[in-house]
């Protein structure tokens, strides 16, 4: 079984279960290893769905507790970091704040105060053309991919979460992002979390996944678990989709070094 590198903790204020419980769930379900990757703190209060900077030492302690509890089962230390244009110095500082196994880059914000996957902003999809929203999202994601700051990029087409998708050929958004990701050497995740959202499909779409394979971009399977019962959820379906798109391997991370494993 592959690893699950995208999981959260209660410190982000919208997840349940301790890292110990996540690690036990991964071990008991036969996953190769697990990574904990909560939402990054910001230098100042920013929103209500991430750990605070004051809680950051507690985060490291919780992961250490999980490692001790399930040893020698591997528990990797990660962080899901929001890419915000102009925020690169803070990301670089975060990268030096712990001995990370991997850093996940993510795009949630497409404008100040607008986290595009937040249900409280759902009305904005009726107020603006979906093509304009996709433009904003994919330009941000392309910059994230090009930054070279991350080992792994989260839920590539998160913008489709509520089912809003432009008509026509979507490669006009996919291709620049894939080119940037391939040039940076980052991996992407195939996330089962989308199956639990209104869109009802994994992130990214199969077409994006096939194009990523053609571009030589590696993948991991991820659950984006916000509770222990979501760890490794629907990985059988994710592995089947990955194979149908031409993938035969996945990757693992330790000390920000990547190795390849059969899928």
C-alpha atoms as a PDB file:
ATOM      1  CA  UNK A   1       0.000   0.000   0.000  1.00  0.00           C
ATOM      2  CA  UNK A   2       1.184   3.575  -0.619  1.00  0.00           C
ATOM      3  CA  UNK A   3       1.681   6.300   1.974  1.00  0.00           C
ATOM      4  CA  UNK A   4      -0.840   8.984   2.937  1.00  0.00           C
ATOM      5  CA  UNK A   5       0.923  12.324   3.313  1.00  0.00           C
ATOM      6  CA  UNK A   6      -1.990  14.760   3.584  1.00  0.00           C
ATOM      7  CA  UNK A   7      -3.598  14.678   7.025  1.00  0.00           C
ATOM      8  CA  UNK A   8      -4.550  17.284   9.605  1.00  0.00           C
ATOM      9  CA  UNK A   9      -4.838  17.853  13.346  1.00  0.00           C
ATOM     10  CA  UNK A  10      -7.286  19.685  15.635  1.00  0.00           C
ATOM     11  CA  UNK A  11      -4.845  22.600  15.767  1.00  0.00           C
ATOM     12  CA  UNK A  12      -6.265  23.772  12.422  1.00  0.00           C
ATOM     13  CA  UNK A  13      -9.659  24.196  14.122  1.00  0.00           C
ATOM     14  CA  UNK A  14     -11.593  22.088  11.595  1.00  0.00           C
ATOM     15  CA  UNK A  15     -10.235  18.560  12.109  1.00  0.00           C
ATOM     16  CA  UNK A  16     -10.696  15.918  14.781  1.00  0.00           C
ATOM     17  CA  UNK A  17      -8.469  13.184  16.176  1.00  0.00           C
ATOM     18  CA  UNK A  18      -4.879  13.270  17.378  1.00  0.00           C
ATOM     19  CA  UNK A  19      -1.841  12.438  15.222  1.00  0.00           C
ATOM     20  CA  UNK A  20      -1.499   9.282  17.339  1.00  0.00           C
ATOM     21  CA  UNK A  21      -4.954   8.206  16.151  1.00  0.00           C
ATOM     22  CA  UNK A  22      -4.124   9.024  12.526  1.00  0.00           C
ATOM     23  CA  UNK A  23      -0.893   7.047  12.744  1.00  0.00           C
ATOM     24  CA  UNK A  24      -2.601   4.049  14.312  1.00  0.00           C
ATOM     25  CA  UNK A  25      -5.284   4.143  11.607  1.00  0.00           C
ATOM     26  CA  UNK A  26      -2.664   4.212   8.833  1.00  0.00           C
ATOM     27  CA  UNK A  27      -0.712   1.337  10.381  1.00  0.00           C
ATOM     28  CA  UNK A  28      -3.819  -0.771  10.963  1.00  0.00           C
ATOM     29  CA  UNK A  29      -5.061  -0.189   7.403  1.00  0.00           C
ATOM     30  CA  UNK A  30      -1.782  -1.375   5.924  1.00  0.00           C
ATOM     31  CA  UNK A  31      -0.486   1.924   4.548  1.00  0.00           C
ATOM     32  CA  UNK A  32       3.261   2.038   4.023  1.00  0.00           C
ATOM     33  CA  UNK A  33       3.593   5.168   6.161  1.00  0.00           C
ATOM     34  CA  UNK A  34       1.764   8.333   7.113  1.00  0.00           C
ATOM     35  CA  UNK A  35       2.607  12.002   7.104  1.00  0.00           C
ATOM     36  CA  UNK A  36       1.029  14.716   9.220  1.00  0.00           C
ATOM     37  CA  UNK A  37       0.678  17.978   7.305  1.00  0.00           C
ATOM     38  CA  UNK A  38      -1.490  20.544   9.015  1.00  0.00           C
ATOM     39  CA  UNK A  39      -2.196  24.026   7.645  1.00  0.00           C
ATOM     40  CA  UNK A  40       0.746  26.343   8.149  1.00  0.00           C
ATOM     41  CA  UNK A  41       0.753  29.126  10.707  1.00  0.00           C
ATOM     42  CA  UNK A  42       1.004  32.720   9.545  1.00  0.00           C
ATOM     43  CA  UNK A  43       3.107  35.440  11.177  1.00  0.00           C
ATOM     44  CA  UNK A  44      -0.079  37.316  12.101  1.00  0.00           C
ATOM     45  CA  UNK A  45      -3.731  36.207  12.525  1.00  0.00           C
ATOM     46  CA  UNK A  46      -5.009  35.398   9.051  1.00  0.00           C
ATOM     47  CA  UNK A  47      -8.114  33.186   9.057  1.00  0.00           C
ATOM     48  CA  UNK A  48      -9.952  30.702  11.250  1.00  0.00           C
ATOM     49  CA  UNK A  49      -8.833  27.403   9.729  1.00  0.00           C
ATOM     50  CA  UNK A  50      -5.120  27.000  10.462  1.00  0.00           C
ATOM     51  CA  UNK A  51      -2.893  26.517  13.466  1.00  0.00           C
ATOM     52  CA  UNK A  52      -1.636  29.632  15.177  1.00  0.00           C
ATOM     53  CA  UNK A  53       2.039  30.445  15.392  1.00  0.00           C
ATOM     54  CA  UNK A  54       1.775  29.980  19.158  1.00  0.00           C
ATOM     55  CA  UNK A  55       0.559  26.403  18.577  1.00  0.00           C
ATOM     56  CA  UNK A  56       3.424  25.497  16.258  1.00  0.00           C
ATOM     57  CA  UNK A  57       5.636  23.959  18.997  1.00  0.00           C
ATOM     58  CA  UNK A  58       2.655  21.888  20.105  1.00  0.00           C
ATOM     59  CA  UNK A  59       2.282  20.645  16.524  1.00  0.00           C
ATOM     60  CA  UNK A  60       5.837  19.332  16.522  1.00  0.00           C
ATOM     61  CA  UNK A  61       5.250  17.700  19.897  1.00  0.00           C
ATOM     62  CA  UNK A  62       2.082  15.959  18.657  1.00  0.00           C
ATOM     63  CA  UNK A  63       3.920  14.463  15.688  1.00  0.00           C
ATOM     64  CA  UNK A  64       6.739  13.338  17.985  1.00  0.00           C
ATOM     65  CA  UNK A  65       4.171  11.665  20.239  1.00  0.00           C
ATOM     66  CA  UNK A  66       2.696   9.822  17.260  1.00  0.00           C
ATOM     67  CA  UNK A  67       6.138   8.627  16.179  1.00  0.00           C
ATOM     68  CA  UNK A  68       6.817   7.287  19.651  1.00  0.00           C
ATOM     69  CA  UNK A  69       3.438   5.591  19.924  1.00  0.00           C
ATOM     70  CA  UNK A  70       3.619   3.576  16.689  1.00  0.00           C
ATOM     71  CA  UNK A  71       7.393   3.099  16.354  1.00  0.00           C
ATOM     72  CA  UNK A  72       8.936   1.683  14.245  1.00  0.00           C
ATOM     73  CA  UNK A  73       6.049   2.479  11.888  1.00  0.00           C
ATOM     74  CA  UNK A  74       7.150   5.598   9.948  1.00  0.00           C
ATOM     75  CA  UNK A  75       5.401   8.902  10.685  1.00  0.00           C
ATOM     76  CA  UNK A  76       6.620  11.753   8.485  1.00  0.00           C
ATOM     77  CA  UNK A  77       6.571  15.429   9.387  1.00  0.00           C
ATOM     78  CA  UNK A  78       5.033  17.727   6.815  1.00  0.00           C
ATOM     79  CA  UNK A  79       3.184  21.004   6.483  1.00  0.00           C
ATOM     80  CA  UNK A  80       0.532  22.195   4.041  1.00  0.00           C
ATOM     81  CA  UNK A  81       1.544  25.731   3.137  1.00  0.00           C
ATOM     82  CA  UNK A  82      -0.671  28.247   1.412  1.00  0.00           C
ATOM     83  CA  UNK A  83       1.091  29.840  -1.515  1.00  0.00           C
ATOM     84  CA  UNK A  84       0.360  33.566  -1.519  1.00  0.00           C
ATOM     85  CA  UNK A  85       2.107  35.833  -3.985  1.00  0.00           C
ATOM     86  CA  UNK A  86       4.576  37.949  -2.044  1.00  0.00           C
ATOM     87  CA  UNK A  87       4.582  35.467   0.831  1.00  0.00           C
ATOM     88  CA  UNK A  88       7.677  33.603  -0.295  1.00  0.00           C
ATOM     89  CA  UNK A  89       9.929  34.930   2.506  1.00  0.00           C
ATOM     90  CA  UNK A  90       7.577  33.505   5.123  1.00  0.00           C
ATOM     91  CA  UNK A  91       7.494  30.148   3.312  1.00  0.00           C
ATOM     92  CA  UNK A  92      11.279  30.099   3.269  1.00  0.00           C
ATOM     93  CA  UNK A  93      11.302  30.861   6.984  1.00  0.00           C
ATOM     94  CA  UNK A  94       8.828  28.047   7.657  1.00  0.00           C
ATOM     95  CA  UNK A  95      11.089  25.681   5.736  1.00  0.00           C
ATOM     96  CA  UNK A  96      13.806  26.281   8.321  1.00  0.00           C
ATOM     97  CA  UNK A  97      11.622  25.915  11.407  1.00  0.00           C
ATOM     98  CA  UNK A  98      11.712  22.100  11.632  1.00  0.00           C
ATOM     99  CA  UNK A  99      13.333  19.018  10.148  1.00  0.00           C
ATOM    100  CA  UNK A 100      10.620  18.476   7.575  1.00  0.00           C
ATOM    101  CA  UNK A 101      10.185  15.335   5.539  1.00  0.00           C
ATOM    102  CA  UNK A 102       8.181  17.236   2.929  1.00  0.00           C
ATOM    103  CA  UNK A 103       6.368  20.516   2.339  1.00  0.00           C
ATOM    104  CA  UNK A 104       3.048  20.650   0.510  1.00  0.00           C
ATOM    105  CA  UNK A 105       2.187  23.710  -1.548  1.00  0.00           C
ATOM    106  CA  UNK A 106      -1.477  24.605  -1.863  1.00  0.00           C
ATOM    107  CA  UNK A 107      -3.635  27.338  -3.330  1.00  0.00           C
ATOM    108  CA  UNK A 108      -6.800  28.207  -1.464  1.00  0.00           C
ATOM    109  CA  UNK A 109      -6.834  31.996  -1.810  1.00  0.00           C
ATOM    110  CA  UNK A 110      -7.390  33.547  -5.229  1.00  0.00           C
ATOM    111  CA  UNK A 111      -7.948  37.072  -3.904  1.00  0.00           C
ATOM    112  CA  UNK A 112      -7.539  38.732  -0.510  1.00  0.00           C
ATOM    113  CA  UNK A 113     -10.204  37.324   1.758  1.00  0.00           C
ATOM    114  CA  UNK A 114     -11.443  34.800  -0.794  1.00  0.00           C
ATOM    115  CA  UNK A 115     -10.522  31.201  -0.081  1.00  0.00           C
ATOM    116  CA  UNK A 116     -12.118  29.660  -3.121  1.00  0.00           C
ATOM    117  CA  UNK A 117     -13.008  26.346  -1.453  1.00  0.00           C
ATOM    118  CA  UNK A 118     -14.775  27.954   1.512  1.00  0.00           C
ATOM    119  CA  UNK A 119     -18.571  27.431   1.420  1.00  0.00           C
ATOM    120  CA  UNK A 120     -19.176  30.856   2.948  1.00  0.00           C
ATOM    121  CA  UNK A 121     -18.035  32.394  -0.358  1.00  0.00           C
ATOM    122  CA  UNK A 122     -20.150  30.141  -2.555  1.00  0.00           C
ATOM    123  CA  UNK A 123     -22.313  33.035  -3.759  1.00  0.00           C
ATOM    124  CA  UNK A 124     -19.309  34.530  -5.527  1.00  0.00           C
ATOM    125  CA  UNK A 125     -19.546  31.806  -8.143  1.00  0.00           C
ATOM    126  CA  UNK A 126     -22.893  33.305  -9.165  1.00  0.00           C
ATOM    127  CA  UNK A 127     -21.505  36.827  -9.210  1.00  0.00           C
ATOM    128  CA  UNK A 128     -18.541  36.271 -11.525  1.00  0.00           C
ATOM    129  CA  UNK A 129     -17.991  34.239 -14.706  1.00  0.00           C
ATOM    130  CA  UNK A 130     -16.555  30.833 -13.897  1.00  0.00           C
ATOM    131  CA  UNK A 131     -13.841  31.412 -16.520  1.00  0.00           C
ATOM    132  CA  UNK A 132     -12.641  34.446 -14.568  1.00  0.00           C
ATOM    133  CA  UNK A 133     -12.506  32.451 -11.335  1.00  0.00           C
ATOM    134  CA  UNK A 134     -10.600  29.655 -13.040  1.00  0.00           C
ATOM    135  CA  UNK A 135      -8.162  32.197 -14.487  1.00  0.00           C
ATOM    136  CA  UNK A 136      -7.429  33.564 -11.025  1.00  0.00           C
ATOM    137  CA  UNK A 137      -7.028  30.118  -9.530  1.00  0.00           C
ATOM    138  CA  UNK A 138      -4.825  28.604 -12.200  1.00  0.00           C
ATOM    139  CA  UNK A 139      -2.550  31.634 -12.432  1.00  0.00           C
ATOM    140  CA  UNK A 140      -1.977  31.301  -8.693  1.00  0.00           C
ATOM    141  CA  UNK A 141      -1.455  27.540  -8.978  1.00  0.00           C
ATOM    142  CA  UNK A 142       1.027  28.001 -11.811  1.00  0.00           C
ATOM    143  CA  UNK A 143       3.018  30.464  -9.687  1.00  0.00           C
ATOM    144  CA  UNK A 144       2.880  27.988  -6.807  1.00  0.00           C
ATOM    145  CA  UNK A 145       4.189  25.227  -9.045  1.00  0.00           C
ATOM    146  CA  UNK A 146       6.940  27.416 -10.461  1.00  0.00           C
ATOM    147  CA  UNK A 147       8.136  28.624  -7.068  1.00  0.00           C
ATOM    148  CA  UNK A 148      10.350  25.620  -6.361  1.00  0.00           C
ATOM    149  CA  UNK A 149       9.451  25.919  -2.664  1.00  0.00           C
ATOM    150  CA  UNK A 150       7.542  22.661  -2.326  1.00  0.00           C
ATOM    151  CA  UNK A 151       8.085  18.934  -2.608  1.00  0.00           C
ATOM    152  CA  UNK A 152       4.449  18.142  -3.284  1.00  0.00           C
ATOM    153  CA  UNK A 153       1.489  20.126  -4.599  1.00  0.00           C
ATOM    154  CA  UNK A 154      -1.982  19.614  -3.171  1.00  0.00           C
ATOM    155  CA  UNK A 155      -5.354  19.057  -4.865  1.00  0.00           C
ATOM    156  CA  UNK A 156      -4.475  20.613  -8.243  1.00  0.00           C
ATOM    157  CA  UNK A 157      -7.998  21.520  -9.407  1.00  0.00           C
ATOM    158  CA  UNK A 158      -9.513  22.458  -6.054  1.00  0.00           C
ATOM    159  CA  UNK A 159     -11.388  25.269  -7.796  1.00  0.00           C
ATOM    160  CA  UNK A 160     -13.908  22.681  -9.062  1.00  0.00           C
ATOM    161  CA  UNK A 161     -14.915  21.708  -5.493  1.00  0.00           C
ATOM    162  CA  UNK A 162     -18.490  22.980  -5.798  1.00  0.00           C
ATOM    163  CA  UNK A 163     -18.940  21.676  -9.329  1.00  0.00           C
ATOM    164  CA  UNK A 164     -18.251  24.922 -11.213  1.00  0.00           C
ATOM    165  CA  UNK A 165     -16.313  24.177 -14.368  1.00  0.00           C
ATOM    166  CA  UNK A 166     -16.002  26.109 -17.641  1.00  0.00           C
ATOM    167  CA  UNK A 167     -17.057  24.540 -20.904  1.00  0.00           C
ATOM    168  CA  UNK A 168     -14.600  23.717 -23.628  1.00  0.00           C
ATOM    169  CA  UNK A 169     -11.007  22.553 -23.559  1.00  0.00           C
ATOM    170  CA  UNK A 170      -9.591  22.905 -20.051  1.00  0.00           C
ATOM    171  CA  UNK A 171      -6.022  22.469 -21.236  1.00  0.00           C
ATOM    172  CA  UNK A 172      -5.773  26.238 -21.593  1.00  0.00           C
ATOM    173  CA  UNK A 173      -5.528  26.244 -17.777  1.00  0.00           C
ATOM    174  CA  UNK A 174      -3.886  22.870 -17.285  1.00  0.00           C
ATOM    175  CA  UNK A 175      -0.930  23.204 -19.640  1.00  0.00           C
ATOM    176  CA  UNK A 176       0.818  26.248 -18.099  1.00  0.00           C
ATOM    177  CA  UNK A 177       0.477  24.767 -14.608  1.00  0.00           C
ATOM    178  CA  UNK A 178       1.838  21.405 -15.691  1.00  0.00           C
ATOM    179  CA  UNK A 179       4.771  23.023 -17.471  1.00  0.00           C
ATOM    180  CA  UNK A 180       5.656  24.958 -14.300  1.00  0.00           C
ATOM    181  CA  UNK A 181       5.321  21.907 -12.053  1.00  0.00           C
ATOM    182  CA  UNK A 182       7.427  19.737 -14.327  1.00  0.00           C
ATOM    183  CA  UNK A 183      10.153  22.390 -14.458  1.00  0.00           C
ATOM    184  CA  UNK A 184      10.233  22.698 -10.657  1.00  0.00           C
ATOM    185  CA  UNK A 185      10.494  18.936 -10.115  1.00  0.00           C
ATOM    186  CA  UNK A 186       7.606  18.792  -7.636  1.00  0.00           C
ATOM    187  CA  UNK A 187       5.198  15.889  -7.309  1.00  0.00           C
ATOM    188  CA  UNK A 188       1.413  16.255  -7.222  1.00  0.00           C
ATOM    189  CA  UNK A 189      -1.171  14.460  -5.178  1.00  0.00           C
ATOM    190  CA  UNK A 190      -4.095  12.431  -6.410  1.00  0.00           C
ATOM    191  CA  UNK A 191      -6.524  13.297  -3.648  1.00  0.00           C
ATOM    192  CA  UNK A 192      -9.591  11.296  -2.749  1.00  0.00           C
ATOM    193  CA  UNK A 193     -10.965  14.250  -0.772  1.00  0.00           C
ATOM    194  CA  UNK A 194     -12.920  15.436  -3.811  1.00  0.00           C
ATOM    195  CA  UNK A 195     -15.070  12.314  -3.598  1.00  0.00           C
ATOM    196  CA  UNK A 196     -16.386  13.697  -0.302  1.00  0.00           C
ATOM    197  CA  UNK A 197     -17.165  17.146  -1.746  1.00  0.00           C
ATOM    198  CA  UNK A 198     -20.009  18.425  -3.959  1.00  0.00           C
ATOM    199  CA  UNK A 199     -17.997  17.801  -7.138  1.00  0.00           C
ATOM    200  CA  UNK A 200     -17.924  14.070  -6.316  1.00  0.00           C
ATOM    201  CA  UNK A 201     -14.636  13.304  -8.054  1.00  0.00           C
ATOM    202  CA  UNK A 202     -10.988  13.158  -7.141  1.00  0.00           C
ATOM    203  CA  UNK A 203      -8.513  16.010  -7.498  1.00  0.00           C
ATOM    204  CA  UNK A 204      -7.238  16.307 -10.179  1.00  0.00           C
ATOM    205  CA  UNK A 205      -9.493  15.345 -13.092  1.00  0.00           C
ATOM    206  CA  UNK A 206      -8.390  12.327 -15.146  1.00  0.00           C
ATOM    207  CA  UNK A 207      -7.355  14.514 -18.089  1.00  0.00           C
ATOM    208  CA  UNK A 208      -5.018  16.535 -15.868  1.00  0.00           C
ATOM    209  CA  UNK A 209      -3.650  13.317 -14.426  1.00  0.00           C
ATOM    210  CA  UNK A 210      -2.927  11.863 -17.866  1.00  0.00           C
ATOM    211  CA  UNK A 211      -1.170  15.072 -18.907  1.00  0.00           C
ATOM    212  CA  UNK A 212       0.879  14.991 -15.704  1.00  0.00           C
ATOM    213  CA  UNK A 213       1.968  11.464 -16.527  1.00  0.00           C
ATOM    214  CA  UNK A 214       2.989  12.551 -20.029  1.00  0.00           C
ATOM    215  CA  UNK A 215       4.992  15.408 -18.476  1.00  0.00           C
ATOM    216  CA  UNK A 216       6.843  13.029 -16.152  1.00  0.00           C
ATOM    217  CA  UNK A 217       5.353  14.507 -12.977  1.00  0.00           C
ATOM    218  CA  UNK A 218       5.266  11.954 -10.128  1.00  0.00           C
ATOM    219  CA  UNK A 219       2.276  11.417  -7.844  1.00  0.00           C
ATOM    220  CA  UNK A 220       1.332  10.403  -4.357  1.00  0.00           C
ATOM    221  CA  UNK A 221      -2.087   9.283  -3.190  1.00  0.00           C
ATOM    222  CA  UNK A 222      -3.608  11.508  -0.526  1.00  0.00           C
ATOM    223  CA  UNK A 223      -6.763  11.551   1.556  1.00  0.00           C
ATOM    224  CA  UNK A 224      -6.615  15.099   2.977  1.00  0.00           C
ATOM    225  CA  UNK A 225      -7.951  13.417   6.109  1.00  0.00           C
ATOM    226  CA  UNK A 226      -9.556  15.635   8.714  1.00  0.00           C
ATOM    227  CA  UNK A 227     -10.446  12.686  10.936  1.00  0.00           C
ATOM    228  CA  UNK A 228      -8.750   9.318  11.523  1.00  0.00           C
ATOM    229  CA  UNK A 229     -11.507   7.420   9.717  1.00  0.00           C
ATOM    230  CA  UNK A 230     -10.583   9.240   6.485  1.00  0.00           C
ATOM    231  CA  UNK A 231      -6.954   8.068   6.445  1.00  0.00           C
ATOM    232  CA  UNK A 232      -6.324   6.127   3.228  1.00  0.00           C
ATOM    233  CA  UNK A 233      -9.997   6.417   2.304  1.00  0.00           C
ATOM    234  CA  UNK A 234     -10.794   5.290  -1.275  1.00  0.00           C
ATOM    235  CA  UNK A 235      -7.146   4.589  -2.054  1.00  0.00           C
ATOM    236  CA  UNK A 236      -8.223   1.528  -4.022  1.00  0.00           C
ATOM    237  CA  UNK A 237     -10.169   3.800  -6.372  1.00  0.00           C
ATOM    238  CA  UNK A 238      -7.303   6.286  -6.536  1.00  0.00           C
ATOM    239  CA  UNK A 239      -4.772   3.585  -7.413  1.00  0.00           C
ATOM    240  CA  UNK A 240      -7.064   2.257 -10.136  1.00  0.00           C
ATOM    241  CA  UNK A 241      -7.449   5.741 -11.620  1.00  0.00           C
ATOM    242  CA  UNK A 242      -3.706   6.355 -11.470  1.00  0.00           C
ATOM    243  CA  UNK A 243      -2.983   3.102 -13.283  1.00  0.00           C
ATOM    244  CA  UNK A 244      -5.614   3.872 -15.931  1.00  0.00           C
ATOM    245  CA  UNK A 245      -3.799   7.167 -16.568  1.00  0.00           C
ATOM    246  CA  UNK A 246      -0.473   5.407 -17.048  1.00  0.00           C
ATOM    247  CA  UNK A 247       1.146   5.604 -13.619  1.00  0.00           C
ATOM    248  CA  UNK A 248       3.011   2.566 -12.330  1.00  0.00           C
ATOM    249  CA  UNK A 249       4.860   4.270  -9.463  1.00  0.00           C
ATOM    250  CA  UNK A 250       4.311   6.578  -6.546  1.00  0.00           C
ATOM    251  CA  UNK A 251       6.831   8.449  -4.421  1.00  0.00           C
ATOM    252  CA  UNK A 252       7.732   8.688  -0.747  1.00  0.00           C
ATOM    253  CA  UNK A 253       9.464  11.414   1.210  1.00  0.00           C
ATOM    254  CA  UNK A 254      11.975  11.507   4.052  1.00  0.00           C
ATOM    255  CA  UNK A 255      14.162  14.451   4.959  1.00  0.00           C
ATOM    256  CA  UNK A 256      12.870  16.259   1.863  1.00  0.00           C
ATOM    257  CA  UNK A 257      14.346  13.532  -0.315  1.00  0.00           C
ATOM    258  CA  UNK A 258      12.152  11.587  -2.685  1.00  0.00           C
ATOM    259  CA  UNK A 259      12.232   7.898  -3.514  1.00  0.00           C
ATOM    260  CA  UNK A 260      10.129   5.903  -5.945  1.00  0.00           C
ATOM    261  CA  UNK A 261       7.988   2.875  -5.136  1.00  0.00           C
ATOM    262  CA  UNK A 262       5.724   0.668  -7.270  1.00  0.00           C
ATOM    263  CA  UNK A 263       2.124   1.795  -7.155  1.00  0.00           C
END
